[in-house]
N, C-alpha and C. Protein backbone atom coordinates (compact mmCIF):
# COMPACT_ATOMS: atom_id res chain seq x y z
N UNK A 1 -94.98 61.34 30.07
CA UNK A 1 -95.67 62.57 29.73
C UNK A 1 -94.75 63.77 29.95
N UNK A 2 -95.06 64.80 29.28
CA UNK A 2 -94.25 66.02 29.31
C UNK A 2 -94.65 66.93 30.47
N UNK A 3 -93.65 67.45 31.12
CA UNK A 3 -93.91 68.43 32.17
C UNK A 3 -94.26 69.78 31.54
N UNK A 4 -95.02 70.54 32.26
CA UNK A 4 -95.38 71.89 31.82
C UNK A 4 -94.78 72.92 32.77
N UNK A 5 -93.61 72.62 33.31
CA UNK A 5 -92.93 73.54 34.23
C UNK A 5 -92.78 74.91 33.57
N UNK A 6 -92.85 75.95 34.36
CA UNK A 6 -92.78 77.31 33.82
C UNK A 6 -91.51 77.55 33.03
N UNK A 7 -90.38 77.05 33.51
CA UNK A 7 -89.12 77.28 32.80
C UNK A 7 -89.03 76.47 31.51
N UNK A 8 -89.83 75.42 31.40
CA UNK A 8 -89.91 74.65 30.15
C UNK A 8 -90.86 75.35 29.18
N UNK A 9 -91.96 75.81 29.70
CA UNK A 9 -92.96 76.48 28.87
C UNK A 9 -92.48 77.85 28.38
N UNK A 10 -91.74 78.56 29.23
CA UNK A 10 -91.31 79.93 28.91
C UNK A 10 -89.81 80.09 29.15
N UNK A 11 -88.97 79.36 28.41
CA UNK A 11 -87.52 79.42 28.66
C UNK A 11 -86.92 80.80 28.47
N UNK A 12 -87.53 81.61 27.63
CA UNK A 12 -87.00 82.96 27.40
C UNK A 12 -87.21 83.89 28.60
N UNK A 13 -88.00 83.44 29.58
CA UNK A 13 -88.30 84.26 30.76
C UNK A 13 -87.75 83.68 32.05
N UNK A 14 -86.75 82.80 31.96
CA UNK A 14 -86.22 82.14 33.16
C UNK A 14 -85.78 83.16 34.21
N UNK A 15 -85.07 84.19 33.80
CA UNK A 15 -84.59 85.20 34.76
C UNK A 15 -85.76 85.93 35.41
N UNK A 16 -86.77 86.28 34.63
CA UNK A 16 -87.94 86.98 35.16
C UNK A 16 -88.69 86.07 36.13
N UNK A 17 -88.86 84.81 35.77
CA UNK A 17 -89.54 83.85 36.65
C UNK A 17 -88.81 83.73 37.98
N UNK A 18 -87.50 83.58 37.93
CA UNK A 18 -86.72 83.46 39.17
C UNK A 18 -86.79 84.74 40.01
N UNK A 19 -86.75 85.88 39.34
CA UNK A 19 -86.87 87.16 40.07
C UNK A 19 -88.24 87.27 40.75
N UNK A 20 -89.29 86.92 40.04
CA UNK A 20 -90.63 86.98 40.61
C UNK A 20 -90.78 86.01 41.78
N UNK A 21 -90.21 84.84 41.67
CA UNK A 21 -90.28 83.86 42.77
C UNK A 21 -89.62 84.40 44.03
N UNK A 22 -88.55 85.17 43.85
CA UNK A 22 -87.83 85.73 45.00
C UNK A 22 -88.50 86.98 45.57
N UNK A 23 -89.07 87.80 44.70
CA UNK A 23 -89.52 89.13 45.13
C UNK A 23 -91.03 89.28 45.32
N UNK A 24 -91.82 88.35 44.80
CA UNK A 24 -93.28 88.48 44.85
C UNK A 24 -93.87 87.23 45.50
N UNK A 25 -94.27 87.36 46.75
CA UNK A 25 -94.78 86.20 47.49
C UNK A 25 -96.02 85.60 46.85
N UNK A 26 -96.90 86.44 46.31
CA UNK A 26 -98.13 85.94 45.68
C UNK A 26 -97.77 85.13 44.43
N UNK A 27 -96.86 85.64 43.62
CA UNK A 27 -96.40 84.90 42.45
C UNK A 27 -95.76 83.59 42.88
N UNK A 28 -94.90 83.64 43.87
CA UNK A 28 -94.21 82.44 44.35
C UNK A 28 -95.20 81.39 44.82
N UNK A 29 -96.24 81.82 45.53
CA UNK A 29 -97.27 80.89 46.01
C UNK A 29 -98.01 80.24 44.85
N UNK A 30 -98.39 81.05 43.87
CA UNK A 30 -99.12 80.53 42.71
C UNK A 30 -98.21 79.65 41.85
N UNK A 31 -96.94 80.01 41.73
CA UNK A 31 -95.99 79.20 40.97
C UNK A 31 -95.80 77.84 41.64
N UNK A 32 -95.75 77.84 42.96
CA UNK A 32 -95.62 76.58 43.70
C UNK A 32 -96.85 75.70 43.50
N UNK A 33 -98.04 76.31 43.58
CA UNK A 33 -99.28 75.57 43.35
C UNK A 33 -99.28 74.98 41.93
N UNK A 34 -98.88 75.79 40.95
CA UNK A 34 -98.82 75.34 39.56
C UNK A 34 -97.86 74.15 39.42
N UNK A 35 -96.69 74.27 40.02
CA UNK A 35 -95.67 73.23 39.96
C UNK A 35 -96.20 71.92 40.58
N UNK A 36 -96.82 72.02 41.75
CA UNK A 36 -97.35 70.83 42.42
C UNK A 36 -98.48 70.20 41.59
N UNK A 37 -99.33 71.02 41.05
CA UNK A 37 -100.43 70.53 40.23
C UNK A 37 -99.91 69.86 38.96
N UNK A 38 -98.91 70.45 38.34
CA UNK A 38 -98.33 69.86 37.14
C UNK A 38 -97.75 68.48 37.46
N UNK A 39 -97.02 68.37 38.56
CA UNK A 39 -96.45 67.08 38.94
C UNK A 39 -97.55 66.05 39.20
N UNK A 40 -98.62 66.48 39.82
CA UNK A 40 -99.73 65.56 40.10
C UNK A 40 -100.35 65.06 38.80
N UNK A 41 -100.58 65.96 37.85
CA UNK A 41 -101.18 65.59 36.57
C UNK A 41 -100.26 64.65 35.80
N UNK A 42 -98.99 64.98 35.74
CA UNK A 42 -98.02 64.13 35.03
C UNK A 42 -97.97 62.75 35.67
N UNK A 43 -97.95 62.69 37.00
CA UNK A 43 -97.91 61.40 37.70
C UNK A 43 -99.17 60.58 37.40
N UNK A 44 -100.32 61.23 37.38
CA UNK A 44 -101.56 60.52 37.07
C UNK A 44 -101.52 59.97 35.65
N UNK A 45 -101.01 60.75 34.72
CA UNK A 45 -100.92 60.31 33.33
C UNK A 45 -99.93 59.15 33.18
N UNK A 46 -98.78 59.26 33.82
CA UNK A 46 -97.74 58.23 33.68
C UNK A 46 -98.12 56.92 34.33
N UNK A 47 -98.79 56.99 35.44
CA UNK A 47 -99.13 55.77 36.19
C UNK A 47 -100.50 55.21 35.81
N UNK A 48 -101.20 55.93 34.94
CA UNK A 48 -102.54 55.52 34.51
C UNK A 48 -103.43 55.23 35.72
N UNK A 49 -103.37 56.13 36.69
CA UNK A 49 -104.15 56.00 37.92
C UNK A 49 -105.63 56.23 37.60
N UNK A 50 -106.49 55.37 38.12
CA UNK A 50 -107.92 55.58 37.87
C UNK A 50 -108.40 56.89 38.53
N UNK A 51 -108.99 57.72 37.72
CA UNK A 51 -109.51 59.00 38.19
C UNK A 51 -110.66 59.36 37.26
N UNK A 52 -111.66 59.99 37.80
CA UNK A 52 -112.79 60.36 36.94
C UNK A 52 -112.36 61.40 35.92
N UNK A 53 -112.97 61.35 34.76
CA UNK A 53 -112.67 62.32 33.72
C UNK A 53 -112.94 63.75 34.21
N UNK A 54 -114.02 63.91 34.96
CA UNK A 54 -114.38 65.24 35.45
C UNK A 54 -113.30 65.80 36.37
N UNK A 55 -112.79 64.97 37.27
CA UNK A 55 -111.76 65.42 38.19
C UNK A 55 -110.46 65.71 37.44
N UNK A 56 -110.10 64.83 36.52
CA UNK A 56 -108.88 65.03 35.75
C UNK A 56 -108.96 66.32 34.93
N UNK A 57 -110.08 66.57 34.31
CA UNK A 57 -110.26 67.79 33.52
C UNK A 57 -110.26 69.02 34.43
N UNK A 58 -110.79 68.90 35.64
CA UNK A 58 -110.78 70.02 36.58
C UNK A 58 -109.33 70.36 36.98
N UNK A 59 -108.51 69.34 37.19
CA UNK A 59 -107.10 69.57 37.52
C UNK A 59 -106.38 70.26 36.36
N UNK A 60 -106.61 69.77 35.15
CA UNK A 60 -105.97 70.37 33.98
C UNK A 60 -106.46 71.79 33.75
N UNK A 61 -107.74 72.03 33.99
CA UNK A 61 -108.29 73.37 33.83
C UNK A 61 -107.67 74.34 34.83
N UNK A 62 -107.50 73.89 36.07
CA UNK A 62 -106.86 74.73 37.09
C UNK A 62 -105.42 75.05 36.69
N UNK A 63 -104.71 74.06 36.15
CA UNK A 63 -103.34 74.28 35.71
C UNK A 63 -103.30 75.33 34.60
N UNK A 64 -104.23 75.27 33.65
CA UNK A 64 -104.28 76.25 32.56
C UNK A 64 -104.54 77.65 33.11
N UNK A 65 -105.48 77.76 34.03
CA UNK A 65 -105.80 79.08 34.61
C UNK A 65 -104.60 79.66 35.36
N UNK A 66 -103.93 78.81 36.13
CA UNK A 66 -102.74 79.27 36.85
C UNK A 66 -101.65 79.69 35.87
N UNK A 67 -101.44 78.89 34.84
CA UNK A 67 -100.41 79.21 33.85
C UNK A 67 -100.71 80.53 33.16
N UNK A 68 -101.96 80.76 32.81
CA UNK A 68 -102.33 82.03 32.17
C UNK A 68 -102.05 83.21 33.10
N UNK A 69 -102.44 83.08 34.37
CA UNK A 69 -102.22 84.16 35.33
C UNK A 69 -100.73 84.40 35.53
N UNK A 70 -99.97 83.32 35.70
CA UNK A 70 -98.53 83.44 35.89
C UNK A 70 -97.86 84.09 34.68
N UNK A 71 -98.28 83.70 33.49
CA UNK A 71 -97.68 84.27 32.28
C UNK A 71 -97.99 85.76 32.16
N UNK A 72 -99.19 86.16 32.55
CA UNK A 72 -99.52 87.59 32.55
C UNK A 72 -98.56 88.35 33.47
N UNK A 73 -98.30 87.78 34.65
CA UNK A 73 -97.39 88.42 35.60
C UNK A 73 -95.96 88.47 35.05
N UNK A 74 -95.55 87.40 34.40
CA UNK A 74 -94.21 87.33 33.82
C UNK A 74 -94.07 88.38 32.73
N UNK A 75 -95.04 88.46 31.85
CA UNK A 75 -94.98 89.44 30.76
C UNK A 75 -94.97 90.87 31.30
N UNK A 76 -95.80 91.13 32.30
CA UNK A 76 -95.86 92.47 32.88
C UNK A 76 -94.48 92.86 33.44
N UNK A 77 -93.89 91.95 34.22
CA UNK A 77 -92.59 92.23 34.84
C UNK A 77 -91.51 92.39 33.76
N UNK A 78 -91.59 91.61 32.72
CA UNK A 78 -90.58 91.70 31.65
C UNK A 78 -90.64 93.03 30.93
N UNK A 79 -91.82 93.64 30.87
CA UNK A 79 -91.99 94.93 30.18
C UNK A 79 -91.63 96.11 31.07
N UNK A 80 -91.65 95.92 32.39
CA UNK A 80 -91.43 97.05 33.32
C UNK A 80 -90.18 96.91 34.12
């Protein structure tokens, strides 16, 4: 399965992402949570681990929400 790492999803913003990770603790915390969640989802998909559909969808939904929030922060920083 494909990773959804921030630098893979938004390669044009690698410098902004790295800057935010260094300078914004809240962003860094949320980016870490996103990264860990992405790895968990990918591992579940690759290993075909039994998990309820509801739980799996909840994990994916959380990843989408985090990604949306992180991207908003990335775009804001890139403009300012």
